[in-house]
Amino acid sequence: MSKCQTKPITLQILIEKECARMRVSDQEFARLIGIKKFHKVKPFIEQVKCNQMEKMLHMRHRIVDVLDVTIEQVDEAIQASKDTYYGEIDAAWRASFRPHAVLDTANKIPSPIFVAAITGSTKKLYVVPPANLSQLAWPSWIAKHVPEEVLAFGKVEGFVINYTPDHAIRFDLLGNPVETLGAAYRRGSAHMNDILDLSKVIR
C-alpha cells in the first residue's frame, strides 16, 4: 500500500508554525532575521503572506538559523510558495481569458527596453478581433491590420492567435497557418509577470 504524499507547505505556513512553537510574533521574527528598520517589517510580512519569494532566497540561511529548521525545509517552502503564487496568477488569467492575437516580432525582448516602457508599445503586440467576426475570418482580418513594425520590438514577422489558454495557432504575415501550439503564446510571461488586461489594452 503506497503512502500518501504530503503536500509541501509554503514559507508562510512554515514560519507561522515555527514562530508559534517559539512563541515569537511575526514582527519579532522579522527583526530576528535582520530586518531592523520598522518601516520594512510590514512589507516583508506581506510578501511572505502573498507568497512573493523574489527577495527570500538571500534570507534562506538566516531563516534556517532563527527557526532551527533545515535548509531543505526552507527551500521546499520557498518553492511551494512560488508554485502557489504563480498558480493563482495563472488561474486568474484563465478566468479572465478572451481570445486574442499576439504579434511575433524580430526582437523578442524590446530594445531599448526603456522606450517600450515609456511609450507603452508592448500593448501594440496584442490584437483582439471584432466581436461580430467569426473565428474563421480572424486570420485574414488580423493579417490586414498588423503593422509593419512595433517600436522597440522591430519588424513584425507573423502572429499567433490564442483561441483558448491551451490552444493557439501561429500564422505568417499572409494569415496562413504554420504551427499549432498546445498553449497560449504569452510574450514576456515566463514568470507570468507581464499578464495584461486585454480589455484595457485593446480599444
N, C-alpha and C. Protein backbone atom coordinates (compact mmCIF):
# COMPACT_ATOMS: atom_id res chain seq x y z
N MET A 1 0.86 -1.19 0.00
CA MET A 1 0.00 0.00 0.00
C MET A 1 0.89 1.24 0.00
N SER A 2 0.69 2.12 -0.97
CA SER A 2 1.54 3.29 -1.11
C SER A 2 1.16 4.35 -0.09
N LYS A 3 2.16 5.08 0.37
CA LYS A 3 1.93 6.14 1.32
C LYS A 3 1.45 7.39 0.60
N CYS A 4 0.55 8.13 1.25
CA CYS A 4 0.06 9.37 0.67
C CYS A 4 1.17 10.41 0.72
N GLN A 5 1.37 11.11 -0.38
CA GLN A 5 2.39 12.14 -0.42
C GLN A 5 1.89 13.40 0.30
N THR A 6 2.73 13.97 1.15
CA THR A 6 2.37 15.18 1.86
C THR A 6 2.64 16.40 0.99
N LYS A 7 1.67 17.26 0.89
CA LYS A 7 1.82 18.47 0.08
C LYS A 7 2.80 19.41 0.76
N PRO A 8 3.80 19.92 0.03
CA PRO A 8 4.78 20.84 0.63
C PRO A 8 4.10 22.07 1.21
N ILE A 9 4.56 22.53 2.35
CA ILE A 9 3.97 23.72 2.97
C ILE A 9 4.68 24.97 2.47
N THR A 10 3.96 26.07 2.42
CA THR A 10 4.54 27.33 1.96
C THR A 10 5.42 27.92 3.05
N LEU A 11 6.19 28.92 2.66
CA LEU A 11 7.08 29.58 3.63
C LEU A 11 6.26 30.24 4.73
N GLN A 12 5.12 30.81 4.37
CA GLN A 12 4.26 31.44 5.37
C GLN A 12 3.84 30.45 6.45
N ILE A 13 3.41 29.25 6.01
CA ILE A 13 2.96 28.23 6.97
C ILE A 13 4.13 27.75 7.83
N LEU A 14 5.29 27.57 7.19
CA LEU A 14 6.47 27.13 7.94
C LEU A 14 6.83 28.14 9.02
N ILE A 15 6.86 29.41 8.65
CA ILE A 15 7.21 30.46 9.61
C ILE A 15 6.18 30.55 10.73
N GLU A 16 4.89 30.50 10.35
CA GLU A 16 3.84 30.59 11.37
C GLU A 16 3.92 29.42 12.35
N LYS A 17 4.16 28.24 11.81
CA LYS A 17 4.24 27.04 12.66
C LYS A 17 5.40 27.13 13.65
N GLU A 18 6.57 27.51 13.14
CA GLU A 18 7.75 27.55 13.99
C GLU A 18 7.72 28.73 14.95
N CYS A 19 7.15 29.85 14.51
CA CYS A 19 7.04 31.00 15.40
C CYS A 19 6.07 30.72 16.55
N ALA A 20 5.01 29.96 16.24
CA ALA A 20 4.05 29.59 17.29
C ALA A 20 4.74 28.69 18.31
N ARG A 21 5.59 27.79 17.82
CA ARG A 21 6.34 26.90 18.72
C ARG A 21 7.28 27.69 19.60
N MET A 22 7.89 28.70 19.00
CA MET A 22 8.86 29.51 19.73
C MET A 22 8.21 30.66 20.51
N ARG A 23 6.91 30.84 20.26
CA ARG A 23 6.17 31.95 20.88
C ARG A 23 6.79 33.30 20.49
N VAL A 24 7.00 33.42 19.19
CA VAL A 24 7.57 34.64 18.62
C VAL A 24 6.58 35.22 17.62
N SER A 25 6.35 36.51 17.64
CA SER A 25 5.42 37.15 16.72
C SER A 25 6.06 37.35 15.35
N ASP A 26 5.23 37.69 14.35
CA ASP A 26 5.75 37.95 13.00
C ASP A 26 6.77 39.08 13.04
N GLN A 27 6.44 40.13 13.78
CA GLN A 27 7.33 41.29 13.85
C GLN A 27 8.67 40.93 14.51
N GLU A 28 8.60 40.12 15.55
CA GLU A 28 9.83 39.70 16.24
C GLU A 28 10.67 38.81 15.33
N PHE A 29 10.02 37.94 14.58
CA PHE A 29 10.74 37.07 13.65
C PHE A 29 11.47 37.89 12.60
N ALA A 30 10.76 38.90 12.04
CA ALA A 30 11.38 39.74 11.02
C ALA A 30 12.63 40.41 11.56
N ARG A 31 12.57 40.87 12.79
CA ARG A 31 13.74 41.52 13.39
C ARG A 31 14.87 40.52 13.66
N LEU A 32 14.48 39.30 14.04
CA LEU A 32 15.49 38.27 14.33
C LEU A 32 16.29 37.88 13.10
N ILE A 33 15.67 37.94 11.92
CA ILE A 33 16.41 37.57 10.70
C ILE A 33 17.14 38.77 10.09
N GLY A 34 17.10 39.90 10.80
CA GLY A 34 17.92 41.03 10.36
C GLY A 34 17.20 42.22 9.80
N ILE A 35 15.87 42.22 9.82
CA ILE A 35 15.12 43.38 9.32
C ILE A 35 14.93 44.34 10.50
N LYS A 36 15.83 45.27 10.64
CA LYS A 36 15.87 46.14 11.81
C LYS A 36 14.98 47.37 11.67
N LYS A 37 14.84 47.88 10.43
CA LYS A 37 14.06 49.11 10.23
C LYS A 37 12.57 48.80 10.29
N PHE A 38 11.87 49.54 11.14
CA PHE A 38 10.45 49.29 11.40
C PHE A 38 9.61 49.35 10.12
N HIS A 39 9.92 50.33 9.24
CA HIS A 39 9.09 50.51 8.04
C HIS A 39 9.26 49.38 7.02
N LYS A 40 10.27 48.50 7.24
CA LYS A 40 10.49 47.38 6.32
C LYS A 40 9.89 46.07 6.84
N VAL A 41 9.49 46.06 8.09
CA VAL A 41 8.96 44.84 8.69
C VAL A 41 7.62 44.45 8.07
N LYS A 42 6.68 45.38 8.00
CA LYS A 42 5.36 45.08 7.45
C LYS A 42 5.41 44.62 6.00
N PRO A 43 6.17 45.31 5.11
CA PRO A 43 6.28 44.85 3.72
C PRO A 43 6.82 43.43 3.62
N PHE A 44 7.80 43.09 4.48
CA PHE A 44 8.36 41.74 4.47
C PHE A 44 7.29 40.72 4.83
N ILE A 45 6.52 40.99 5.88
CA ILE A 45 5.47 40.07 6.32
C ILE A 45 4.42 39.90 5.22
N GLU A 46 4.06 41.00 4.54
CA GLU A 46 3.07 40.93 3.46
C GLU A 46 3.59 40.11 2.29
N GLN A 47 4.88 40.24 1.98
CA GLN A 47 5.47 39.47 0.89
C GLN A 47 5.39 37.98 1.17
N VAL A 48 5.67 37.60 2.41
CA VAL A 48 5.59 36.19 2.79
C VAL A 48 4.16 35.69 2.68
N LYS A 49 3.20 36.48 3.18
CA LYS A 49 1.80 36.08 3.15
C LYS A 49 1.26 35.98 1.73
N CYS A 50 1.79 36.80 0.83
CA CYS A 50 1.34 36.79 -0.58
C CYS A 50 2.17 35.83 -1.43
N ASN A 51 3.06 35.07 -0.79
CA ASN A 51 3.89 34.08 -1.50
C ASN A 51 4.80 34.70 -2.55
N GLN A 52 5.25 35.92 -2.32
CA GLN A 52 6.20 36.57 -3.23
C GLN A 52 7.61 36.32 -2.72
N MET A 53 8.34 35.50 -3.46
CA MET A 53 9.62 34.99 -2.97
C MET A 53 10.86 35.63 -3.58
N GLU A 54 10.69 36.70 -4.36
CA GLU A 54 11.83 37.27 -5.06
C GLU A 54 12.97 37.65 -4.12
N LYS A 55 12.65 38.16 -2.93
CA LYS A 55 13.69 38.63 -2.02
C LYS A 55 14.00 37.64 -0.91
N MET A 56 13.45 36.44 -1.00
CA MET A 56 13.61 35.49 0.10
C MET A 56 14.86 34.61 -0.01
N LEU A 57 15.36 34.40 -1.22
CA LEU A 57 16.46 33.48 -1.41
C LEU A 57 17.70 33.87 -0.61
N HIS A 58 18.00 35.17 -0.56
CA HIS A 58 19.21 35.59 0.18
C HIS A 58 19.00 35.56 1.69
N MET A 59 17.75 35.30 2.13
CA MET A 59 17.46 35.21 3.56
C MET A 59 17.39 33.76 4.05
N ARG A 60 17.61 32.82 3.15
CA ARG A 60 17.43 31.40 3.46
C ARG A 60 18.17 30.97 4.72
N HIS A 61 19.45 31.29 4.79
CA HIS A 61 20.26 30.81 5.90
C HIS A 61 19.89 31.49 7.22
N ARG A 62 19.48 32.76 7.13
CA ARG A 62 19.05 33.44 8.35
C ARG A 62 17.75 32.83 8.87
N ILE A 63 16.85 32.45 7.96
CA ILE A 63 15.59 31.82 8.36
C ILE A 63 15.88 30.47 9.01
N VAL A 64 16.82 29.73 8.43
CA VAL A 64 17.21 28.43 8.99
C VAL A 64 17.72 28.60 10.41
N ASP A 65 18.59 29.58 10.62
CA ASP A 65 19.19 29.78 11.94
C ASP A 65 18.15 30.18 12.99
N VAL A 66 17.25 31.07 12.62
CA VAL A 66 16.26 31.57 13.59
C VAL A 66 15.22 30.52 13.92
N LEU A 67 14.73 29.80 12.89
CA LEU A 67 13.67 28.81 13.12
C LEU A 67 14.20 27.45 13.56
N ASP A 68 15.52 27.26 13.42
CA ASP A 68 16.13 25.97 13.76
C ASP A 68 15.51 24.85 12.92
N VAL A 69 15.45 25.09 11.62
CA VAL A 69 14.97 24.07 10.67
C VAL A 69 16.09 23.83 9.67
N THR A 70 15.89 22.89 8.75
CA THR A 70 16.93 22.58 7.77
C THR A 70 16.79 23.48 6.54
N ILE A 71 17.88 23.61 5.81
CA ILE A 71 17.86 24.40 4.58
C ILE A 71 16.94 23.75 3.56
N GLU A 72 16.82 22.42 3.60
CA GLU A 72 15.93 21.70 2.69
C GLU A 72 14.48 22.09 2.96
N GLN A 73 14.11 22.22 4.24
CA GLN A 73 12.75 22.60 4.59
C GLN A 73 12.43 24.00 4.08
N VAL A 74 13.38 24.91 4.22
CA VAL A 74 13.17 26.29 3.77
C VAL A 74 13.07 26.35 2.25
N ASP A 75 13.96 25.63 1.57
CA ASP A 75 13.94 25.63 0.11
C ASP A 75 12.63 25.04 -0.43
N GLU A 76 12.16 23.97 0.18
CA GLU A 76 10.89 23.36 -0.24
C GLU A 76 9.74 24.32 0.01
N ALA A 77 9.78 25.05 1.12
CA ALA A 77 8.73 26.00 1.44
C ALA A 77 8.73 27.17 0.45
N ILE A 78 9.92 27.64 0.09
CA ILE A 78 10.02 28.73 -0.89
C ILE A 78 9.47 28.28 -2.24
N GLN A 79 9.82 27.05 -2.65
CA GLN A 79 9.32 26.53 -3.92
C GLN A 79 7.81 26.37 -3.89
N ALA A 80 7.28 25.88 -2.75
CA ALA A 80 5.83 25.72 -2.61
C ALA A 80 5.13 27.07 -2.68
N SER A 81 5.75 28.10 -2.12
CA SER A 81 5.18 29.45 -2.18
C SER A 81 5.17 29.97 -3.62
N LYS A 82 6.26 29.73 -4.34
CA LYS A 82 6.33 30.14 -5.74
C LYS A 82 5.25 29.44 -6.56
N ASP A 83 5.10 28.12 -6.36
CA ASP A 83 4.10 27.36 -7.10
C ASP A 83 2.70 27.89 -6.81
N THR A 84 2.45 28.22 -5.56
CA THR A 84 1.14 28.76 -5.17
C THR A 84 0.90 30.12 -5.81
N TYR A 85 1.92 30.96 -5.76
CA TYR A 85 1.81 32.33 -6.30
C TYR A 85 1.51 32.31 -7.80
N TYR A 86 2.33 31.56 -8.54
CA TYR A 86 2.13 31.54 -9.99
C TYR A 86 0.88 30.76 -10.38
N GLY A 87 0.50 29.79 -9.56
CA GLY A 87 -0.74 29.06 -9.80
C GLY A 87 -1.95 29.97 -9.69
N GLU A 88 -1.93 30.87 -8.72
CA GLU A 88 -3.03 31.81 -8.53
C GLU A 88 -3.10 32.81 -9.68
N ILE A 89 -1.93 33.26 -10.14
CA ILE A 89 -1.90 34.20 -11.26
C ILE A 89 -2.42 33.53 -12.53
N ASP A 90 -2.00 32.29 -12.75
CA ASP A 90 -2.44 31.57 -13.93
C ASP A 90 -3.94 31.32 -13.88
N ALA A 91 -4.46 30.99 -12.71
CA ALA A 91 -5.89 30.74 -12.56
C ALA A 91 -6.69 32.01 -12.86
N ALA A 92 -6.18 33.16 -12.38
CA ALA A 92 -6.86 34.43 -12.64
C ALA A 92 -6.82 34.77 -14.13
N TRP A 93 -5.67 34.49 -14.77
CA TRP A 93 -5.54 34.74 -16.21
C TRP A 93 -6.51 33.88 -17.00
N ARG A 94 -6.61 32.62 -16.64
CA ARG A 94 -7.53 31.72 -17.33
C ARG A 94 -8.99 32.15 -17.13
N ALA A 95 -9.31 32.61 -15.93
CA ALA A 95 -10.68 33.01 -15.64
C ALA A 95 -11.10 34.24 -16.46
N SER A 96 -10.13 35.12 -16.75
CA SER A 96 -10.44 36.34 -17.48
C SER A 96 -10.05 36.25 -18.97
N PHE A 97 -9.66 35.07 -19.41
CA PHE A 97 -9.16 34.90 -20.78
C PHE A 97 -10.21 35.26 -21.83
N ARG A 98 -9.77 35.93 -22.86
CA ARG A 98 -10.59 36.17 -24.05
C ARG A 98 -9.70 35.96 -25.27
N PRO A 99 -10.19 35.35 -26.32
CA PRO A 99 -9.35 35.09 -27.49
C PRO A 99 -8.70 36.37 -28.01
N HIS A 100 -7.46 36.26 -28.49
CA HIS A 100 -6.73 37.41 -28.96
C HIS A 100 -5.54 36.95 -29.79
N ALA A 101 -4.93 37.89 -30.48
CA ALA A 101 -3.73 37.59 -31.27
C ALA A 101 -2.54 38.30 -30.64
N VAL A 102 -1.37 37.67 -30.77
CA VAL A 102 -0.12 38.24 -30.27
C VAL A 102 0.85 38.33 -31.44
N LEU A 103 1.38 39.51 -31.67
CA LEU A 103 2.31 39.69 -32.79
C LEU A 103 3.66 39.09 -32.45
N ASP A 104 4.27 38.45 -33.46
CA ASP A 104 5.62 37.90 -33.32
C ASP A 104 6.56 38.87 -34.02
N THR A 105 7.57 39.35 -33.32
CA THR A 105 8.45 40.38 -33.87
C THR A 105 9.91 39.95 -33.88
N ALA A 106 10.72 40.72 -34.59
CA ALA A 106 12.14 40.39 -34.71
C ALA A 106 12.83 40.41 -33.35
N ASN A 107 12.48 41.38 -32.52
CA ASN A 107 13.05 41.47 -31.17
C ASN A 107 12.11 40.82 -30.17
N LYS A 108 12.52 39.73 -29.58
CA LYS A 108 11.68 39.08 -28.58
C LYS A 108 11.66 39.90 -27.29
N ILE A 109 12.79 40.57 -27.01
CA ILE A 109 12.89 41.48 -25.89
C ILE A 109 13.06 42.89 -26.47
N PRO A 110 12.24 43.87 -26.00
CA PRO A 110 12.34 45.21 -26.59
C PRO A 110 13.71 45.82 -26.41
N SER A 111 14.13 46.57 -27.42
CA SER A 111 15.43 47.23 -27.35
C SER A 111 15.31 48.62 -28.00
N PRO A 112 15.60 49.69 -27.23
CA PRO A 112 15.88 49.66 -25.80
C PRO A 112 14.60 49.46 -24.98
N ILE A 113 14.76 48.81 -23.83
CA ILE A 113 13.60 48.47 -23.00
C ILE A 113 12.88 49.72 -22.50
N PHE A 114 13.65 50.77 -22.15
CA PHE A 114 13.02 51.96 -21.57
C PHE A 114 12.08 52.64 -22.57
N VAL A 115 12.35 52.49 -23.87
CA VAL A 115 11.48 53.08 -24.88
C VAL A 115 10.12 52.39 -24.87
N ALA A 116 10.15 51.06 -24.77
CA ALA A 116 8.90 50.30 -24.70
C ALA A 116 8.12 50.67 -23.46
N ALA A 117 8.84 50.87 -22.35
CA ALA A 117 8.18 51.21 -21.09
C ALA A 117 7.54 52.59 -21.15
N ILE A 118 8.26 53.54 -21.73
CA ILE A 118 7.77 54.93 -21.79
C ILE A 118 6.61 55.07 -22.76
N THR A 119 6.71 54.43 -23.92
CA THR A 119 5.69 54.59 -24.97
C THR A 119 4.53 53.61 -24.85
N GLY A 120 4.70 52.56 -24.03
CA GLY A 120 3.63 51.57 -23.91
C GLY A 120 3.46 50.73 -25.16
N SER A 121 4.56 50.55 -25.91
CA SER A 121 4.46 49.83 -27.19
C SER A 121 4.15 48.35 -27.01
N THR A 122 4.34 47.82 -25.79
CA THR A 122 4.01 46.42 -25.54
C THR A 122 2.54 46.14 -25.84
N LYS A 123 1.69 47.13 -25.58
CA LYS A 123 0.26 46.97 -25.83
C LYS A 123 -0.04 46.73 -27.31
N LYS A 124 0.83 47.24 -28.17
CA LYS A 124 0.61 47.09 -29.61
C LYS A 124 0.89 45.68 -30.11
N LEU A 125 1.43 44.83 -29.24
CA LEU A 125 1.68 43.44 -29.62
C LEU A 125 0.40 42.60 -29.56
N TYR A 126 -0.65 43.14 -28.96
CA TYR A 126 -1.88 42.37 -28.75
C TYR A 126 -3.02 42.93 -29.60
N VAL A 127 -3.74 42.03 -30.26
CA VAL A 127 -4.85 42.41 -31.12
C VAL A 127 -6.06 41.55 -30.81
N VAL A 128 -7.20 42.18 -30.60
CA VAL A 128 -8.45 41.45 -30.37
C VAL A 128 -9.36 41.68 -31.56
N PRO A 129 -9.74 40.63 -32.28
CA PRO A 129 -10.63 40.78 -33.44
C PRO A 129 -11.99 41.31 -33.02
N PRO A 130 -12.73 41.93 -33.93
CA PRO A 130 -14.08 42.42 -33.62
C PRO A 130 -14.97 41.29 -33.11
N ALA A 131 -15.83 41.61 -32.17
CA ALA A 131 -16.69 40.60 -31.55
C ALA A 131 -17.66 39.96 -32.55
N ASN A 132 -18.04 40.72 -33.59
CA ASN A 132 -19.02 40.19 -34.55
C ASN A 132 -18.37 39.42 -35.70
N LEU A 133 -17.05 39.18 -35.58
CA LEU A 133 -16.32 38.47 -36.65
C LEU A 133 -16.19 37.00 -36.28
N SER A 134 -16.44 36.11 -37.23
CA SER A 134 -16.31 34.67 -36.95
C SER A 134 -14.84 34.29 -36.81
N GLN A 135 -14.59 33.22 -36.08
CA GLN A 135 -13.20 32.78 -35.87
C GLN A 135 -12.51 32.44 -37.20
N LEU A 136 -13.25 31.92 -38.14
CA LEU A 136 -12.66 31.57 -39.44
C LEU A 136 -12.10 32.80 -40.15
N ALA A 137 -12.68 33.96 -39.87
CA ALA A 137 -12.25 35.19 -40.54
C ALA A 137 -11.15 35.92 -39.78
N TRP A 138 -10.84 35.46 -38.58
CA TRP A 138 -9.84 36.17 -37.78
C TRP A 138 -8.47 36.26 -38.45
N PRO A 139 -7.90 35.16 -38.97
CA PRO A 139 -6.55 35.24 -39.54
C PRO A 139 -6.43 36.29 -40.65
N SER A 140 -7.38 36.31 -41.58
CA SER A 140 -7.29 37.26 -42.69
C SER A 140 -7.50 38.69 -42.20
N TRP A 141 -8.38 38.87 -41.21
CA TRP A 141 -8.63 40.22 -40.68
C TRP A 141 -7.39 40.74 -39.96
N ILE A 142 -6.77 39.89 -39.15
CA ILE A 142 -5.58 40.30 -38.40
C ILE A 142 -4.43 40.58 -39.36
N ALA A 143 -4.28 39.73 -40.40
CA ALA A 143 -3.20 39.92 -41.37
C ALA A 143 -3.30 41.29 -42.04
N LYS A 144 -4.51 41.79 -42.21
CA LYS A 144 -4.70 43.10 -42.85
C LYS A 144 -4.45 44.26 -41.89
N HIS A 145 -4.44 43.99 -40.60
CA HIS A 145 -4.33 45.07 -39.64
C HIS A 145 -3.02 45.08 -38.84
N VAL A 146 -2.13 44.13 -39.10
CA VAL A 146 -0.85 44.15 -38.35
C VAL A 146 0.05 45.25 -38.91
N PRO A 147 0.75 45.96 -38.05
CA PRO A 147 1.69 46.98 -38.51
C PRO A 147 2.95 46.32 -39.06
N GLU A 148 3.73 47.08 -39.81
CA GLU A 148 4.98 46.54 -40.35
C GLU A 148 5.99 46.31 -39.22
N GLU A 149 5.98 47.18 -38.24
CA GLU A 149 6.87 47.02 -37.10
C GLU A 149 6.27 47.66 -35.87
N VAL A 150 6.81 47.29 -34.71
CA VAL A 150 6.37 47.84 -33.43
C VAL A 150 7.58 48.47 -32.77
N LEU A 151 7.41 49.70 -32.30
CA LEU A 151 8.50 50.45 -31.69
C LEU A 151 9.20 49.64 -30.61
N ALA A 152 10.51 49.51 -30.71
CA ALA A 152 11.39 48.79 -29.78
C ALA A 152 11.34 47.28 -29.96
N PHE A 153 10.31 46.77 -30.65
CA PHE A 153 10.23 45.33 -30.87
C PHE A 153 10.64 44.94 -32.30
N GLY A 154 10.74 45.93 -33.17
CA GLY A 154 11.20 45.65 -34.53
C GLY A 154 10.12 45.18 -35.49
N LYS A 155 10.58 44.59 -36.56
CA LYS A 155 9.70 44.15 -37.65
C LYS A 155 8.77 43.02 -37.21
N VAL A 156 7.51 43.13 -37.64
CA VAL A 156 6.54 42.08 -37.34
C VAL A 156 6.76 40.92 -38.32
N GLU A 157 6.91 39.71 -37.80
CA GLU A 157 7.21 38.54 -38.63
C GLU A 157 6.03 37.59 -38.77
N GLY A 158 4.98 37.81 -38.01
CA GLY A 158 3.82 36.93 -38.05
C GLY A 158 2.99 37.17 -36.80
N PHE A 159 2.08 36.28 -36.53
CA PHE A 159 1.26 36.44 -35.32
C PHE A 159 0.72 35.08 -34.88
N VAL A 160 0.31 35.02 -33.63
CA VAL A 160 -0.28 33.82 -33.04
C VAL A 160 -1.66 34.18 -32.52
N ILE A 161 -2.64 33.37 -32.86
CA ILE A 161 -3.98 33.57 -32.30
C ILE A 161 -4.16 32.60 -31.15
N ASN A 162 -4.39 33.15 -29.98
CA ASN A 162 -4.68 32.34 -28.79
C ASN A 162 -6.19 32.14 -28.71
N TYR A 163 -6.64 30.97 -29.14
CA TYR A 163 -8.08 30.69 -29.13
C TYR A 163 -8.57 30.35 -27.73
N THR A 164 -7.75 29.62 -26.99
CA THR A 164 -8.04 29.27 -25.60
C THR A 164 -6.70 29.28 -24.85
N PRO A 165 -6.71 29.16 -23.53
CA PRO A 165 -5.43 29.09 -22.82
C PRO A 165 -4.57 27.90 -23.22
N ASP A 166 -5.20 26.88 -23.83
CA ASP A 166 -4.46 25.66 -24.17
C ASP A 166 -4.45 25.35 -25.67
N HIS A 167 -4.83 26.32 -26.47
CA HIS A 167 -4.84 26.09 -27.92
C HIS A 167 -4.56 27.39 -28.66
N ALA A 168 -3.52 27.35 -29.49
CA ALA A 168 -3.15 28.53 -30.27
C ALA A 168 -2.59 28.08 -31.61
N ILE A 169 -2.65 28.97 -32.60
CA ILE A 169 -2.10 28.67 -33.93
C ILE A 169 -1.24 29.84 -34.38
N ARG A 170 -0.05 29.52 -34.87
CA ARG A 170 0.85 30.53 -35.39
C ARG A 170 0.59 30.73 -36.88
N PHE A 171 0.56 31.99 -37.32
CA PHE A 171 0.30 32.33 -38.72
C PHE A 171 1.43 33.19 -39.28
N ASP A 172 1.61 33.13 -40.61
CA ASP A 172 2.56 34.03 -41.24
C ASP A 172 1.85 35.36 -41.52
N LEU A 173 2.55 36.29 -42.13
CA LEU A 173 2.00 37.63 -42.33
C LEU A 173 0.82 37.65 -43.29
N LEU A 174 0.66 36.57 -44.08
CA LEU A 174 -0.47 36.49 -45.01
C LEU A 174 -1.69 35.83 -44.38
N GLY A 175 -1.52 35.36 -43.16
CA GLY A 175 -2.64 34.71 -42.48
C GLY A 175 -2.70 33.22 -42.72
N ASN A 176 -1.60 32.64 -43.19
CA ASN A 176 -1.55 31.19 -43.42
C ASN A 176 -1.06 30.49 -42.15
N PRO A 177 -1.73 29.43 -41.71
CA PRO A 177 -1.30 28.71 -40.50
C PRO A 177 0.02 27.99 -40.75
N VAL A 178 0.93 28.07 -39.79
CA VAL A 178 2.23 27.43 -39.93
C VAL A 178 2.57 26.49 -38.77
N GLU A 179 1.86 26.65 -37.65
CA GLU A 179 2.17 25.81 -36.49
C GLU A 179 1.02 25.83 -35.49
N THR A 180 0.71 24.67 -34.94
CA THR A 180 -0.29 24.57 -33.88
C THR A 180 0.42 24.45 -32.54
N LEU A 181 0.00 25.24 -31.59
CA LEU A 181 0.62 25.26 -30.27
C LEU A 181 -0.31 24.68 -29.21
N GLY A 182 0.26 24.01 -28.24
CA GLY A 182 -0.54 23.38 -27.19
C GLY A 182 -0.82 24.28 -26.01
N ALA A 183 -0.40 25.54 -26.11
CA ALA A 183 -0.65 26.50 -25.04
C ALA A 183 -0.64 27.90 -25.64
N ALA A 184 -1.32 28.82 -24.99
CA ALA A 184 -1.36 30.19 -25.47
C ALA A 184 0.04 30.79 -25.51
N TYR A 185 0.28 31.61 -26.51
CA TYR A 185 1.56 32.30 -26.67
C TYR A 185 1.53 33.54 -25.80
N ARG A 186 2.45 33.60 -24.82
CA ARG A 186 2.43 34.70 -23.86
C ARG A 186 3.79 35.37 -23.82
N ARG A 187 3.93 36.46 -24.49
CA ARG A 187 5.20 37.14 -24.58
C ARG A 187 5.59 37.77 -23.25
N GLY A 188 6.84 37.56 -22.87
CA GLY A 188 7.36 38.18 -21.67
C GLY A 188 6.74 37.65 -20.40
N SER A 189 6.16 36.43 -20.44
CA SER A 189 5.48 35.94 -19.24
C SER A 189 6.03 34.61 -18.76
N ALA A 190 7.35 34.43 -18.92
CA ALA A 190 7.95 33.20 -18.43
C ALA A 190 7.69 33.04 -16.94
N HIS A 191 7.65 34.19 -16.25
CA HIS A 191 7.34 34.16 -14.82
C HIS A 191 5.97 34.77 -14.58
N MET A 192 5.22 34.89 -15.65
CA MET A 192 3.86 35.42 -15.58
C MET A 192 3.80 36.78 -14.90
N ASN A 193 4.78 37.67 -15.18
CA ASN A 193 4.77 39.00 -14.60
C ASN A 193 4.23 40.04 -15.59
N ASP A 194 3.95 39.60 -16.79
CA ASP A 194 3.56 40.55 -17.82
C ASP A 194 2.17 40.23 -18.36
N ILE A 195 1.29 39.71 -17.49
CA ILE A 195 -0.06 39.38 -17.93
C ILE A 195 -0.86 40.67 -18.03
N LEU A 196 -1.43 40.91 -19.20
CA LEU A 196 -2.12 42.16 -19.44
C LEU A 196 -3.63 41.98 -19.39
N ASP A 197 -4.33 43.04 -18.99
CA ASP A 197 -5.78 43.06 -19.05
C ASP A 197 -6.14 43.49 -20.46
N LEU A 198 -6.51 42.54 -21.31
CA LEU A 198 -6.73 42.83 -22.72
C LEU A 198 -7.90 43.78 -22.94
N SER A 199 -8.82 43.82 -22.00
CA SER A 199 -9.95 44.74 -22.15
C SER A 199 -9.47 46.19 -22.09
N LYS A 200 -8.30 46.42 -21.43
CA LYS A 200 -7.74 47.76 -21.34
C LYS A 200 -6.70 48.00 -22.42
N VAL A 201 -6.07 46.91 -22.89
CA VAL A 201 -5.02 47.05 -23.89
C VAL A 201 -5.60 47.39 -25.26
N ILE A 202 -6.68 46.69 -25.62
CA ILE A 202 -7.27 46.89 -26.94
C ILE A 202 -8.54 47.71 -26.83
N ARG A 203 -8.60 48.78 -27.55
CA ARG A 203 -9.78 49.65 -27.56
C ARG A 203 -10.59 49.42 -28.82
